[in-house]
Structures are given as C-alpha cells and as structure tokens.
C-alpha cells in the first residue's frame, strides 16, 4: 500500500487495533523550526522484540530491520551507530535533503534508544 491507501477490501471495516504494551519506548523528532513538524521522527519500542519506525524521512512510515536486529542483540545506542540509511527513496525538499534525512534517522534512532533507559 502507498500513501493514503489501505489494505482493506471495499466491504471491510476495522473493528479493533491492538498493540503490545512496550517494556520501553521513546519517540524523538528533529523539528522544522518554523512549523515544528518532524523533518524526521523515529520511534523505538522494546516489546518481545524491538521495533524501529521512521516518519518524515520518506513518503510513508517505514521500519529499519537492520537497527531492529542490532538492538535485539544489544539495546544500546552504540549497537546502531554504524548502521547507515540509504538516501534512495527518501524525501528531499527545501527543508532537508535526502542525504541529511538519512543522517537524521541514525541520530534520532540513537537518541530514542537512549531515551528508553
């Protein structure tokens, strides 16, 4: 599915949404100074596994499996310090280039992990 799309069939409706309660979670965003909207936002949650979700960097929210795997082994900011995000497919506009957004994903992810402590 893409932006403003759903996986629901025409006659289907959502009756419930359930999320596991995380043992620890933190959201960090790098704000546009004028609007305060997230240029990049990263949510890290530790449940029975680890989830890393990124908003603002690309056209839709996405997860970072490499970070999730590294954090499952060692839930520390250092565990993901060498993981780089490819700028292919990331947003690039007057607020931030794709290269800068890729960099911000790493920075905000490490801050979010630290914020879970």
PDB file of N, CA and C in Angstrom:
ATOM      1  N   UNK A   1       0.837  -1.193   0.000  1.00  0.00           N
ATOM      2  CA  UNK A   1       0.000   0.000   0.000  1.00  0.00           C
ATOM      3  C   UNK A   1       0.872   1.243   0.000  1.00  0.00           C
ATOM      4  N   UNK A   2       0.362   2.311  -0.502  1.00  0.00           N
ATOM      5  CA  UNK A   2       1.087   3.570  -0.552  1.00  0.00           C
ATOM      6  C   UNK A   2       0.420   4.605   0.320  1.00  0.00           C
ATOM      7  N   UNK A   3       0.822   5.844   0.127  1.00  0.00           N
ATOM      8  CA  UNK A   3       0.283   6.937   0.925  1.00  0.00           C
ATOM      9  C   UNK A   3      -1.221   7.084   0.652  1.00  0.00           C
ATOM     10  N   UNK A   4      -1.979   7.282   1.678  1.00  0.00           N
ATOM     11  CA  UNK A   4      -3.439   7.428   1.625  1.00  0.00           C
ATOM     12  C   UNK A   4      -4.133   6.193   1.053  1.00  0.00           C
ATOM     13  N   UNK A   5      -3.484   5.024   1.158  1.00  0.00           N
ATOM     14  CA  UNK A   5      -4.082   3.773   0.714  1.00  0.00           C
ATOM     15  C   UNK A   5      -4.227   2.843   1.906  1.00  0.00           C
ATOM     16  N   UNK A   6      -5.115   1.884   1.767  1.00  0.00           N
ATOM     17  CA  UNK A   6      -5.321   0.904   2.820  1.00  0.00           C
ATOM     18  C   UNK A   6      -5.343  -0.493   2.217  1.00  0.00           C
ATOM     19  N   UNK A   7      -5.045  -1.482   3.024  1.00  0.00           N
ATOM     20  CA  UNK A   7      -5.084  -2.872   2.565  1.00  0.00           C
ATOM     21  C   UNK A   7      -6.484  -3.460   2.687  1.00  0.00           C
ATOM     22  N   UNK A   8      -7.433  -2.690   3.187  1.00  0.00           N
ATOM     23  CA  UNK A   8      -8.804  -3.180   3.343  1.00  0.00           C
ATOM     24  C   UNK A   8      -9.486  -3.344   1.992  1.00  0.00           C
ATOM     25  N   UNK A   9     -10.307  -4.375   1.895  1.00  0.00           N
ATOM     26  CA  UNK A   9     -11.160  -4.555   0.722  1.00  0.00           C
ATOM     27  C   UNK A   9     -12.343  -3.594   0.853  1.00  0.00           C
ATOM     28  N   UNK A  10     -13.055  -3.293  -0.232  1.00  0.00           N
ATOM     29  CA  UNK A  10     -14.151  -2.311  -0.177  1.00  0.00           C
ATOM     30  C   UNK A  10     -15.211  -2.573   0.895  1.00  0.00           C
ATOM     31  N   UNK A  11     -15.556  -3.815   1.198  1.00  0.00           N
ATOM     32  CA  UNK A  11     -16.613  -4.103   2.177  1.00  0.00           C
ATOM     33  C   UNK A  11     -16.076  -4.331   3.588  1.00  0.00           C
ATOM     34  N   UNK A  12     -14.776  -4.238   3.794  1.00  0.00           N
ATOM     35  CA  UNK A  12     -14.191  -4.489   5.111  1.00  0.00           C
ATOM     36  C   UNK A  12     -14.128  -3.210   5.941  1.00  0.00           C
ATOM     37  N   UNK A  13     -14.191  -3.387   7.279  1.00  0.00           N
ATOM     38  CA  UNK A  13     -14.004  -2.272   8.200  1.00  0.00           C
ATOM     39  C   UNK A  13     -13.056  -2.714   9.315  1.00  0.00           C
ATOM     40  N   UNK A  14     -12.385  -1.767   9.911  1.00  0.00           N
ATOM     41  CA  UNK A  14     -11.510  -2.045  11.048  1.00  0.00           C
ATOM     42  C   UNK A  14     -12.370  -2.055  12.298  1.00  0.00           C
ATOM     43  N   UNK A  15     -12.299  -3.123  13.072  1.00  0.00           N
ATOM     44  CA  UNK A  15     -13.092  -3.209  14.300  1.00  0.00           C
ATOM     45  C   UNK A  15     -12.241  -3.063  15.551  1.00  0.00           C
ATOM     46  N   UNK A  16     -10.931  -3.236  15.419  1.00  0.00           N
ATOM     47  CA  UNK A  16     -10.051  -3.084  16.580  1.00  0.00           C
ATOM     48  C   UNK A  16      -8.610  -2.938  16.106  1.00  0.00           C
ATOM     49  N   UNK A  17      -7.845  -2.249  16.911  1.00  0.00           N
ATOM     50  CA  UNK A  17      -6.406  -2.138  16.695  1.00  0.00           C
ATOM     51  C   UNK A  17      -5.753  -2.417  18.036  1.00  0.00           C
ATOM     52  N   UNK A  18      -4.841  -3.373  18.068  1.00  0.00           N
ATOM     53  CA  UNK A  18      -4.180  -3.735  19.323  1.00  0.00           C
ATOM     54  C   UNK A  18      -2.675  -3.654  19.146  1.00  0.00           C
ATOM     55  N   UNK A  19      -2.033  -3.107  20.144  1.00  0.00           N
ATOM     56  CA  UNK A  19      -0.582  -3.026  20.169  1.00  0.00           C
ATOM     57  C   UNK A  19      -0.100  -3.632  21.481  1.00  0.00           C
ATOM     58  N   UNK A  20       1.011  -4.358  21.454  1.00  0.00           N
ATOM     59  CA  UNK A  20       1.553  -4.852  22.721  1.00  0.00           C
ATOM     60  C   UNK A  20       2.085  -3.684  23.545  1.00  0.00           C
ATOM     61  N   UNK A  21       1.930  -3.771  24.849  1.00  0.00           N
ATOM     62  CA  UNK A  21       2.460  -2.727  25.722  1.00  0.00           C
ATOM     63  C   UNK A  21       3.984  -2.875  25.759  1.00  0.00           C
ATOM     64  N   UNK A  22       4.708  -1.836  25.344  1.00  0.00           N
ATOM     65  CA  UNK A  22       6.171  -1.957  25.326  1.00  0.00           C
ATOM     66  C   UNK A  22       6.769  -1.917  26.726  1.00  0.00           C
ATOM     67  N   UNK A  23       7.887  -2.627  26.868  1.00  0.00           N
ATOM     68  CA  UNK A  23       8.659  -2.549  28.110  1.00  0.00           C
ATOM     69  C   UNK A  23       9.312  -1.170  28.214  1.00  0.00           C
ATOM     70  N   UNK A  24       9.690  -0.648  27.054  1.00  0.00           N
ATOM     71  CA  UNK A  24      10.286   0.690  26.973  1.00  0.00           C
ATOM     72  C   UNK A  24      10.005   1.232  25.582  1.00  0.00           C
ATOM     73  N   UNK A  25       9.797   2.546  25.486  1.00  0.00           N
ATOM     74  CA  UNK A  25       9.544   3.167  24.188  1.00  0.00           C
ATOM     75  C   UNK A  25       9.910   4.640  24.252  1.00  0.00           C
ATOM     76  N   UNK A  26      10.308   5.181  23.104  1.00  0.00           N
ATOM     77  CA  UNK A  26      10.647   6.603  23.038  1.00  0.00           C
ATOM     78  C   UNK A  26      10.518   7.076  21.594  1.00  0.00           C
ATOM     79  N   UNK A  27      10.023   8.291  21.430  1.00  0.00           N
ATOM     80  CA  UNK A  27       9.921   8.937  20.118  1.00  0.00           C
ATOM     81  C   UNK A  27      10.776  10.191  20.149  1.00  0.00           C
ATOM     82  N   UNK A  28      11.624  10.334  19.159  1.00  0.00           N
ATOM     83  CA  UNK A  28      12.453  11.530  19.026  1.00  0.00           C
ATOM     84  C   UNK A  28      12.248  12.099  17.634  1.00  0.00           C
ATOM     85  N   UNK A  29      12.104  13.414  17.551  1.00  0.00           N
ATOM     86  CA  UNK A  29      11.970  14.014  16.228  1.00  0.00           C
ATOM     87  C   UNK A  29      12.870  15.227  16.094  1.00  0.00           C
ATOM     88  N   UNK A  30      13.291  15.461  14.864  1.00  0.00           N
ATOM     89  CA  UNK A  30      14.029  16.668  14.517  1.00  0.00           C
ATOM     90  C   UNK A  30      13.016  17.587  13.868  1.00  0.00           C
ATOM     91  N   UNK A  31      12.729  18.687  14.540  1.00  0.00           N
ATOM     92  CA  UNK A  31      11.638  19.570  14.128  1.00  0.00           C
ATOM     93  C   UNK A  31      12.074  20.603  13.098  1.00  0.00           C
ATOM     94  N   UNK A  32      11.140  20.910  12.213  1.00  0.00           N
ATOM     95  CA  UNK A  32      11.288  22.090  11.374  1.00  0.00           C
ATOM     96  C   UNK A  32      11.103  23.277  12.311  1.00  0.00           C
ATOM     97  N   UNK A  33      12.043  24.221  12.350  1.00  0.00           N
ATOM     98  CA  UNK A  33      11.934  25.305  13.327  1.00  0.00           C
ATOM     99  C   UNK A  33      10.692  26.184  13.158  1.00  0.00           C
ATOM    100  N   UNK A  34      10.186  26.328  11.947  1.00  0.00           N
ATOM    101  CA  UNK A  34       9.023  27.189  11.731  1.00  0.00           C
ATOM    102  C   UNK A  34       7.715  26.476  12.070  1.00  0.00           C
ATOM    103  N   UNK A  35       7.539  25.269  11.578  1.00  0.00           N
ATOM    104  CA  UNK A  35       6.266  24.571  11.754  1.00  0.00           C
ATOM    105  C   UNK A  35       6.262  23.601  12.935  1.00  0.00           C
ATOM    106  N   UNK A  36       7.441  23.195  13.374  1.00  0.00           N
ATOM    107  CA  UNK A  36       7.633  22.208  14.428  1.00  0.00           C
ATOM    108  C   UNK A  36       7.215  20.801  13.993  1.00  0.00           C
ATOM    109  N   UNK A  37       6.861  20.630  12.714  1.00  0.00           N
ATOM    110  CA  UNK A  37       6.609  19.292  12.179  1.00  0.00           C
ATOM    111  C   UNK A  37       7.921  18.533  12.126  1.00  0.00           C
ATOM    112  N   UNK A  38       7.841  17.222  12.188  1.00  0.00           N
ATOM    113  CA  UNK A  38       9.049  16.398  12.153  1.00  0.00           C
ATOM    114  C   UNK A  38       9.630  16.354  10.743  1.00  0.00           C
ATOM    115  N   UNK A  39      10.872  16.801  10.615  1.00  0.00           N
ATOM    116  CA  UNK A  39      11.604  16.556   9.377  1.00  0.00           C
ATOM    117  C   UNK A  39      11.920  15.069   9.332  1.00  0.00           C
ATOM    118  N   UNK A  40      12.312  14.528  10.474  1.00  0.00           N
ATOM    119  CA  UNK A  40      12.483  13.086  10.674  1.00  0.00           C
ATOM    120  C   UNK A  40      12.065  12.768  12.104  1.00  0.00           C
ATOM    121  N   UNK A  41      11.269  11.735  12.273  1.00  0.00           N
ATOM    122  CA  UNK A  41      10.901  11.247  13.596  1.00  0.00           C
ATOM    123  C   UNK A  41      11.168   9.758  13.673  1.00  0.00           C
ATOM    124  N   UNK A  42      11.692   9.304  14.803  1.00  0.00           N
ATOM    125  CA  UNK A  42      11.986   7.875  14.981  1.00  0.00           C
ATOM    126  C   UNK A  42      11.362   7.401  16.292  1.00  0.00           C
ATOM    127  N   UNK A  43      10.610   6.313  16.199  1.00  0.00           N
ATOM    128  CA  UNK A  43      10.001   5.679  17.365  1.00  0.00           C
ATOM    129  C   UNK A  43      10.675   4.333  17.570  1.00  0.00           C
ATOM    130  N   UNK A  44      11.174   4.104  18.767  1.00  0.00           N
ATOM    131  CA  UNK A  44      11.799   2.829  19.126  1.00  0.00           C
ATOM    132  C   UNK A  44      10.985   2.216  20.256  1.00  0.00           C
ATOM    133  N   UNK A  45      10.615   0.952  20.097  1.00  0.00           N
ATOM    134  CA  UNK A  45       9.859   0.247  21.133  1.00  0.00           C
ATOM    135  C   UNK A  45      10.488  -1.110  21.382  1.00  0.00           C
ATOM    136  N   UNK A  46      10.562  -1.445  22.660  1.00  0.00           N
ATOM    137  CA  UNK A  46      11.062  -2.763  23.060  1.00  0.00           C
ATOM    138  C   UNK A  46       9.889  -3.528  23.659  1.00  0.00           C
ATOM    139  N   UNK A  47       9.467  -4.570  22.964  1.00  0.00           N
ATOM    140  CA  UNK A  47       8.404  -5.448  23.462  1.00  0.00           C
ATOM    141  C   UNK A  47       9.031  -6.835  23.571  1.00  0.00           C
ATOM    142  N   UNK A  48       8.409  -7.844  23.004  1.00  0.00           N
ATOM    143  CA  UNK A  48       9.063  -9.156  22.954  1.00  0.00           C
ATOM    144  C   UNK A  48      10.196  -9.130  21.935  1.00  0.00           C
ATOM    145  N   UNK A  49      10.191  -8.121  21.094  1.00  0.00           N
ATOM    146  CA  UNK A  49      11.256  -7.845  20.132  1.00  0.00           C
ATOM    147  C   UNK A  49      11.545  -6.361  20.167  1.00  0.00           C
ATOM    148  N   UNK A  50      12.128  -5.855  19.112  1.00  0.00           N
ATOM    149  CA  UNK A  50      12.423  -4.424  19.019  1.00  0.00           C
ATOM    150  C   UNK A  50      11.843  -3.907  17.711  1.00  0.00           C
ATOM    151  N   UNK A  51      11.247  -2.735  17.750  1.00  0.00           N
ATOM    152  CA  UNK A  51      10.713  -2.100  16.550  1.00  0.00           C
ATOM    153  C   UNK A  51      11.303  -0.705  16.424  1.00  0.00           C
ATOM    154  N   UNK A  52      11.705  -0.370  15.206  1.00  0.00           N
ATOM    155  CA  UNK A  52      12.209   0.967  14.891  1.00  0.00           C
ATOM    156  C   UNK A  52      11.388   1.474  13.709  1.00  0.00           C
ATOM    157  N   UNK A  53      10.602   2.522  13.926  1.00  0.00           N
ATOM    158  CA  UNK A  53       9.761   3.094  12.881  1.00  0.00           C
ATOM    159  C   UNK A  53      10.196   4.526  12.607  1.00  0.00           C
ATOM    160  N   UNK A  54      10.213   4.882  11.326  1.00  0.00           N
ATOM    161  CA  UNK A  54      10.693   6.200  10.900  1.00  0.00           C
ATOM    162  C   UNK A  54       9.580   6.926  10.156  1.00  0.00           C
ATOM    163  N   UNK A  55       9.351   8.183  10.522  1.00  0.00           N
ATOM    164  CA  UNK A  55       8.367   9.029   9.849  1.00  0.00           C
ATOM    165  C   UNK A  55       9.059  10.291   9.351  1.00  0.00           C
ATOM    166  N   UNK A  56       8.541  10.845   8.272  1.00  0.00           N
ATOM    167  CA  UNK A  56       9.052  12.116   7.763  1.00  0.00           C
ATOM    168  C   UNK A  56      10.226  11.994   6.817  1.00  0.00           C
ATOM    169  N   UNK A  57      10.977  10.926   6.905  1.00  0.00           N
ATOM    170  CA  UNK A  57      12.158  10.779   6.058  1.00  0.00           C
ATOM    171  C   UNK A  57      11.781  10.376   4.639  1.00  0.00           C
ATOM    172  N   UNK A  58      10.734   9.579   4.507  1.00  0.00           N
ATOM    173  CA  UNK A  58      10.298   9.095   3.202  1.00  0.00           C
ATOM    174  C   UNK A  58       8.841   9.420   2.966  1.00  0.00           C
ATOM    175  N   UNK A  59       8.295   8.973   1.849  1.00  0.00           N
ATOM    176  CA  UNK A  59       6.897   9.281   1.536  1.00  0.00           C
ATOM    177  C   UNK A  59       5.901   8.584   2.463  1.00  0.00           C
ATOM    178  N   UNK A  60       6.312   7.487   3.096  1.00  0.00           N
ATOM    179  CA  UNK A  60       5.471   6.773   4.063  1.00  0.00           C
ATOM    180  C   UNK A  60       6.335   6.353   5.248  1.00  0.00           C
ATOM    181  N   UNK A  61       5.694   5.996   6.342  1.00  0.00           N
ATOM    182  CA  UNK A  61       6.419   5.482   7.509  1.00  0.00           C
ATOM    183  C   UNK A  61       7.054   4.150   7.122  1.00  0.00           C
ATOM    184  N   UNK A  62       8.273   3.916   7.618  1.00  0.00           N
ATOM    185  CA  UNK A  62       8.933   2.645   7.334  1.00  0.00           C
ATOM    186  C   UNK A  62       9.713   2.173   8.546  1.00  0.00           C
ATOM    187  N   UNK A  63      10.005   0.872   8.552  1.00  0.00           N
ATOM    188  CA  UNK A  63      10.800   0.282   9.626  1.00  0.00           C
ATOM    189  C   UNK A  63      12.226   0.066   9.153  1.00  0.00           C
ATOM    190  N   UNK A  64      13.141  -0.108  10.124  1.00  0.00           N
ATOM    191  CA  UNK A  64      14.558  -0.316   9.810  1.00  0.00           C
ATOM    192  C   UNK A  64      14.978  -1.665  10.400  1.00  0.00           C
ATOM    193  N   UNK A  65      14.830  -2.747   9.628  1.00  0.00           N
ATOM    194  CA  UNK A  65      15.128  -4.090  10.140  1.00  0.00           C
ATOM    195  C   UNK A  65      16.564  -4.255  10.638  1.00  0.00           C
ATOM    196  N   UNK A  66      17.527  -3.594   9.994  1.00  0.00           N
ATOM    197  CA  UNK A  66      18.921  -3.705  10.439  1.00  0.00           C
ATOM    198  C   UNK A  66      19.082  -3.166  11.857  1.00  0.00           C
ATOM    199  N   UNK A  67      18.442  -2.057  12.155  1.00  0.00           N
ATOM    200  CA  UNK A  67      18.508  -1.498  13.512  1.00  0.00           C
ATOM    201  C   UNK A  67      17.775  -2.398  14.497  1.00  0.00           C
ATOM    202  N   UNK A  68      16.630  -2.927  14.083  1.00  0.00           N
ATOM    203  CA  UNK A  68      15.870  -3.808  14.968  1.00  0.00           C
ATOM    204  C   UNK A  68      16.698  -5.031  15.356  1.00  0.00           C
ATOM    205  N   UNK A  69      17.381  -5.622  14.383  1.00  0.00           N
ATOM    206  CA  UNK A  69      18.201  -6.810  14.657  1.00  0.00           C
ATOM    207  C   UNK A  69      19.367  -6.469  15.577  1.00  0.00           C
ATOM    208  N   UNK A  70      20.025  -5.346  15.321  1.00  0.00           N
ATOM    209  CA  UNK A  70      21.163  -4.942  16.160  1.00  0.00           C
ATOM    210  C   UNK A  70      20.709  -4.645  17.584  1.00  0.00           C
ATOM    211  N   UNK A  71      19.573  -3.974  17.727  1.00  0.00           N
ATOM    212  CA  UNK A  71      19.071  -3.637  19.061  1.00  0.00           C
ATOM    213  C   UNK A  71      18.549  -4.869  19.801  1.00  0.00           C
ATOM    214  N   UNK A  72      18.106  -5.879  19.073  1.00  0.00           N
ATOM    215  CA  UNK A  72      17.678  -7.125  19.718  1.00  0.00           C
ATOM    216  C   UNK A  72      18.873  -7.822  20.373  1.00  0.00           C
ATOM    217  N   UNK A  73      20.052  -7.648  19.790  1.00  0.00           N
ATOM    218  CA  UNK A  73      21.269  -8.239  20.362  1.00  0.00           C
ATOM    219  C   UNK A  73      21.806  -7.405  21.519  1.00  0.00           C
ATOM    220  N   UNK A  74      21.753  -6.081  21.366  1.00  0.00           N
ATOM    221  CA  UNK A  74      22.283  -5.174  22.394  1.00  0.00           C
ATOM    222  C   UNK A  74      21.502  -3.870  22.328  1.00  0.00           C
ATOM    223  N   UNK A  75      20.628  -3.656  23.305  1.00  0.00           N
ATOM    224  CA  UNK A  75      19.748  -2.484  23.279  1.00  0.00           C
ATOM    225  C   UNK A  75      20.490  -1.252  23.810  1.00  0.00           C
ATOM    226  N   UNK A  76      21.426  -0.765  23.003  1.00  0.00           N
ATOM    227  CA  UNK A  76      22.207   0.421  23.353  1.00  0.00           C
ATOM    228  C   UNK A  76      22.366   1.290  22.114  1.00  0.00           C
ATOM    229  N   UNK A  77      22.538   2.603  22.287  1.00  0.00           N
ATOM    230  CA  UNK A  77      22.773   3.467  21.127  1.00  0.00           C
ATOM    231  C   UNK A  77      23.986   3.032  20.305  1.00  0.00           C
ATOM    232  N   UNK A  78      25.021   2.526  20.972  1.00  0.00           N
ATOM    233  CA  UNK A  78      26.224   2.091  20.253  1.00  0.00           C
ATOM    234  C   UNK A  78      25.953   0.924  19.310  1.00  0.00           C
ATOM    235  N   UNK A  79      24.939   0.130  19.594  1.00  0.00           N
ATOM    236  CA  UNK A  79      24.631  -1.034  18.752  1.00  0.00           C
ATOM    237  C   UNK A  79      24.232  -0.632  17.336  1.00  0.00           C
ATOM    238  N   UNK A  80      23.744   0.605  17.169  1.00  0.00           N
ATOM    239  CA  UNK A  80      23.278   1.037  15.842  1.00  0.00           C
ATOM    240  C   UNK A  80      24.099   2.184  15.264  1.00  0.00           C
ATOM    241  N   UNK A  81      25.195   2.536  15.925  1.00  0.00           N
ATOM    242  CA  UNK A  81      25.955   3.718  15.490  1.00  0.00           C
ATOM    243  C   UNK A  81      26.573   3.574  14.106  1.00  0.00           C
ATOM    244  N   UNK A  82      26.853   2.355  13.662  1.00  0.00           N
ATOM    245  CA  UNK A  82      27.481   2.154  12.358  1.00  0.00           C
ATOM    246  C   UNK A  82      26.492   1.779  11.256  1.00  0.00           C
ATOM    247  N   UNK A  83      25.208   1.758  11.576  1.00  0.00           N
ATOM    248  CA  UNK A  83      24.196   1.426  10.568  1.00  0.00           C
ATOM    249  C   UNK A  83      23.842   2.694   9.804  1.00  0.00           C
ATOM    250  N   UNK A  84      23.964   2.628   8.493  1.00  0.00           N
ATOM    251  CA  UNK A  84      23.643   3.786   7.660  1.00  0.00           C
ATOM    252  C   UNK A  84      22.336   3.536   6.912  1.00  0.00           C
ATOM    253  N   UNK A  85      21.621   4.594   6.697  1.00  0.00           N
ATOM    254  CA  UNK A  85      20.362   4.550   5.962  1.00  0.00           C
ATOM    255  C   UNK A  85      20.638   5.044   4.545  1.00  0.00           C
ATOM    256  N   UNK A  86      20.185   4.300   3.562  1.00  0.00           N
ATOM    257  CA  UNK A  86      20.357   4.725   2.172  1.00  0.00           C
ATOM    258  C   UNK A  86      19.406   5.874   1.881  1.00  0.00           C
ATOM    259  N   UNK A  87      19.902   6.852   1.149  1.00  0.00           N
ATOM    260  CA  UNK A  87      19.068   8.018   0.852  1.00  0.00           C
ATOM    261  C   UNK A  87      18.128   7.793  -0.325  1.00  0.00           C
ATOM    262  N   UNK A  88      18.294   6.687  -1.037  1.00  0.00           N
ATOM    263  CA  UNK A  88      17.406   6.377  -2.160  1.00  0.00           C
ATOM    264  C   UNK A  88      15.968   6.286  -1.676  1.00  0.00           C
ATOM    265  N   UNK A  89      15.075   7.029  -2.311  1.00  0.00           N
ATOM    266  CA  UNK A  89      13.663   6.985  -1.963  1.00  0.00           C
ATOM    267  C   UNK A  89      13.258   7.878  -0.806  1.00  0.00           C
ATOM    268  N   UNK A  90      14.220   8.556  -0.174  1.00  0.00           N
ATOM    269  CA  UNK A  90      13.869   9.463   0.920  1.00  0.00           C
ATOM    270  C   UNK A  90      13.427  10.807   0.362  1.00  0.00           C
ATOM    271  N   UNK A  91      12.668  11.545   1.153  1.00  0.00           N
ATOM    272  CA  UNK A  91      12.226  12.875   0.759  1.00  0.00           C
ATOM    273  C   UNK A  91      13.417  13.814   0.645  1.00  0.00           C
ATOM    274  N   UNK A  92      13.326  14.737  -0.285  1.00  0.00           N
ATOM    275  CA  UNK A  92      14.324  15.786  -0.438  1.00  0.00           C
ATOM    276  C   UNK A  92      13.569  17.040  -0.849  1.00  0.00           C
ATOM    277  N   UNK A  93      13.670  18.080  -0.024  1.00  0.00           N
ATOM    278  CA  UNK A  93      12.945  19.311  -0.316  1.00  0.00           C
ATOM    279  C   UNK A  93      13.705  20.501   0.261  1.00  0.00           C
ATOM    280  N   UNK A  94      13.045  21.653   0.330  1.00  0.00           N
ATOM    281  CA  UNK A  94      13.724  22.858   0.820  1.00  0.00           C
ATOM    282  C   UNK A  94      14.094  22.758   2.296  1.00  0.00           C
ATOM    283  N   UNK A  95      13.472  21.838   3.015  1.00  0.00           N
ATOM    284  CA  UNK A  95      13.737  21.708   4.447  1.00  0.00           C
ATOM    285  C   UNK A  95      14.930  20.818   4.750  1.00  0.00           C
ATOM    286  N   UNK A  96      15.115  19.776   3.956  1.00  0.00           N
ATOM    287  CA  UNK A  96      16.225  18.846   4.190  1.00  0.00           C
ATOM    288  C   UNK A  96      16.418  17.956   2.966  1.00  0.00           C
ATOM    289  N   UNK A  97      17.661  17.739   2.625  1.00  0.00           N
ATOM    290  CA  UNK A  97      17.972  16.833   1.514  1.00  0.00           C
ATOM    291  C   UNK A  97      17.775  15.384   1.962  1.00  0.00           C
ATOM    292  N   UNK A  98      17.709  14.483   0.999  1.00  0.00           N
ATOM    293  CA  UNK A  98      17.603  13.056   1.313  1.00  0.00           C
ATOM    294  C   UNK A  98      18.823  12.599   2.104  1.00  0.00           C
ATOM    295  N   UNK A  99      19.994  13.105   1.744  1.00  0.00           N
ATOM    296  CA  UNK A  99      21.222  12.738   2.456  1.00  0.00           C
ATOM    297  C   UNK A  99      21.144  13.163   3.926  1.00  0.00           C
ATOM    298  N   UNK A 100      20.657  14.379   4.173  1.00  0.00           N
ATOM    299  CA  UNK A 100      20.547  14.872   5.545  1.00  0.00           C
ATOM    300  C   UNK A 100      19.501  14.077   6.330  1.00  0.00           C
ATOM    301  N   UNK A 101      18.385  13.753   5.691  1.00  0.00           N
ATOM    302  CA  UNK A 101      17.353  12.959   6.365  1.00  0.00           C
ATOM    303  C   UNK A 101      17.890  11.574   6.731  1.00  0.00           C
ATOM    304  N   UNK A 102      18.675  10.976   5.837  1.00  0.00           N
ATOM    305  CA  UNK A 102      19.276   9.669   6.132  1.00  0.00           C
ATOM    306  C   UNK A 102      20.166   9.773   7.367  1.00  0.00           C
ATOM    307  N   UNK A 103      20.940  10.847   7.450  1.00  0.00           N
ATOM    308  CA  UNK A 103      21.790  11.074   8.628  1.00  0.00           C
ATOM    309  C   UNK A 103      20.935  11.245   9.886  1.00  0.00           C
ATOM    310  N   UNK A 104      19.864  12.027   9.772  1.00  0.00           N
ATOM    311  CA  UNK A 104      18.997  12.282  10.927  1.00  0.00           C
ATOM    312  C   UNK A 104      18.332  11.014  11.454  1.00  0.00           C
ATOM    313  N   UNK A 105      18.024  10.069  10.582  1.00  0.00           N
ATOM    314  CA  UNK A 105      17.423   8.814  11.045  1.00  0.00           C
ATOM    315  C   UNK A 105      18.341   8.150  12.064  1.00  0.00           C
ATOM    316  N   UNK A 106      19.622   8.085  11.761  1.00  0.00           N
ATOM    317  CA  UNK A 106      20.575   7.479  12.697  1.00  0.00           C
ATOM    318  C   UNK A 106      20.679   8.239  13.998  1.00  0.00           C
ATOM    319  N   UNK A 107      20.753   9.556  13.903  1.00  0.00           N
ATOM    320  CA  UNK A 107      20.875  10.392  15.104  1.00  0.00           C
ATOM    321  C   UNK A 107      19.630  10.259  15.982  1.00  0.00           C
ATOM    322  N   UNK A 108      18.456  10.388  15.385  1.00  0.00           N
ATOM    323  CA  UNK A 108      17.214  10.308  16.161  1.00  0.00           C
ATOM    324  C   UNK A 108      16.995   8.898  16.715  1.00  0.00           C
ATOM    325  N   UNK A 109      17.417   7.870  15.976  1.00  0.00           N
ATOM    326  CA  UNK A 109      17.284   6.495  16.475  1.00  0.00           C
ATOM    327  C   UNK A 109      18.151   6.290  17.714  1.00  0.00           C
ATOM    328  N   UNK A 110      19.383   6.775  17.680  1.00  0.00           N
ATOM    329  CA  UNK A 110      20.255   6.630  18.860  1.00  0.00           C
ATOM    330  C   UNK A 110      19.688   7.410  20.047  1.00  0.00           C
ATOM    331  N   UNK A 111      19.143   8.581  19.802  1.00  0.00           N
ATOM    332  CA  UNK A 111      18.531   9.360  20.890  1.00  0.00           C
ATOM    333  C   UNK A 111      17.306   8.643  21.452  1.00  0.00           C
ATOM    334  N   UNK A 112      16.521   8.027  20.577  1.00  0.00           N
ATOM    335  CA  UNK A 112      15.329   7.306  21.042  1.00  0.00           C
ATOM    336  C   UNK A 112      15.719   6.098  21.893  1.00  0.00           C
ATOM    337  N   UNK A 113      16.756   5.381  21.480  1.00  0.00           N
ATOM    338  CA  UNK A 113      17.223   4.241  22.285  1.00  0.00           C
ATOM    339  C   UNK A 113      17.699   4.736  23.645  1.00  0.00           C
ATOM    340  N   UNK A 114      18.467   5.820  23.654  1.00  0.00           N
ATOM    341  CA  UNK A 114      18.942   6.386  24.923  1.00  0.00           C
ATOM    342  C   UNK A 114      17.762   6.831  25.787  1.00  0.00           C
ATOM    343  N   UNK A 115      16.710   7.345  25.154  1.00  0.00           N
ATOM    344  CA  UNK A 115      15.530   7.795  25.884  1.00  0.00           C
ATOM    345  C   UNK A 115      14.725   6.668  26.504  1.00  0.00           C
ATOM    346  N   UNK A 116      14.957   5.453  26.070  1.00  0.00           N
ATOM    347  CA  UNK A 116      14.261   4.291  26.643  1.00  0.00           C
ATOM    348  C   UNK A 116      14.836   3.884  27.993  1.00  0.00           C
ATOM    349  N   UNK A 117      16.006   4.397  28.331  1.00  0.00           N
ATOM    350  CA  UNK A 117      16.678   3.995  29.584  1.00  0.00           C
ATOM    351  C   UNK A 117      15.955   4.517  30.806  1.00  0.00           C
TER     352      UNK A 117
END
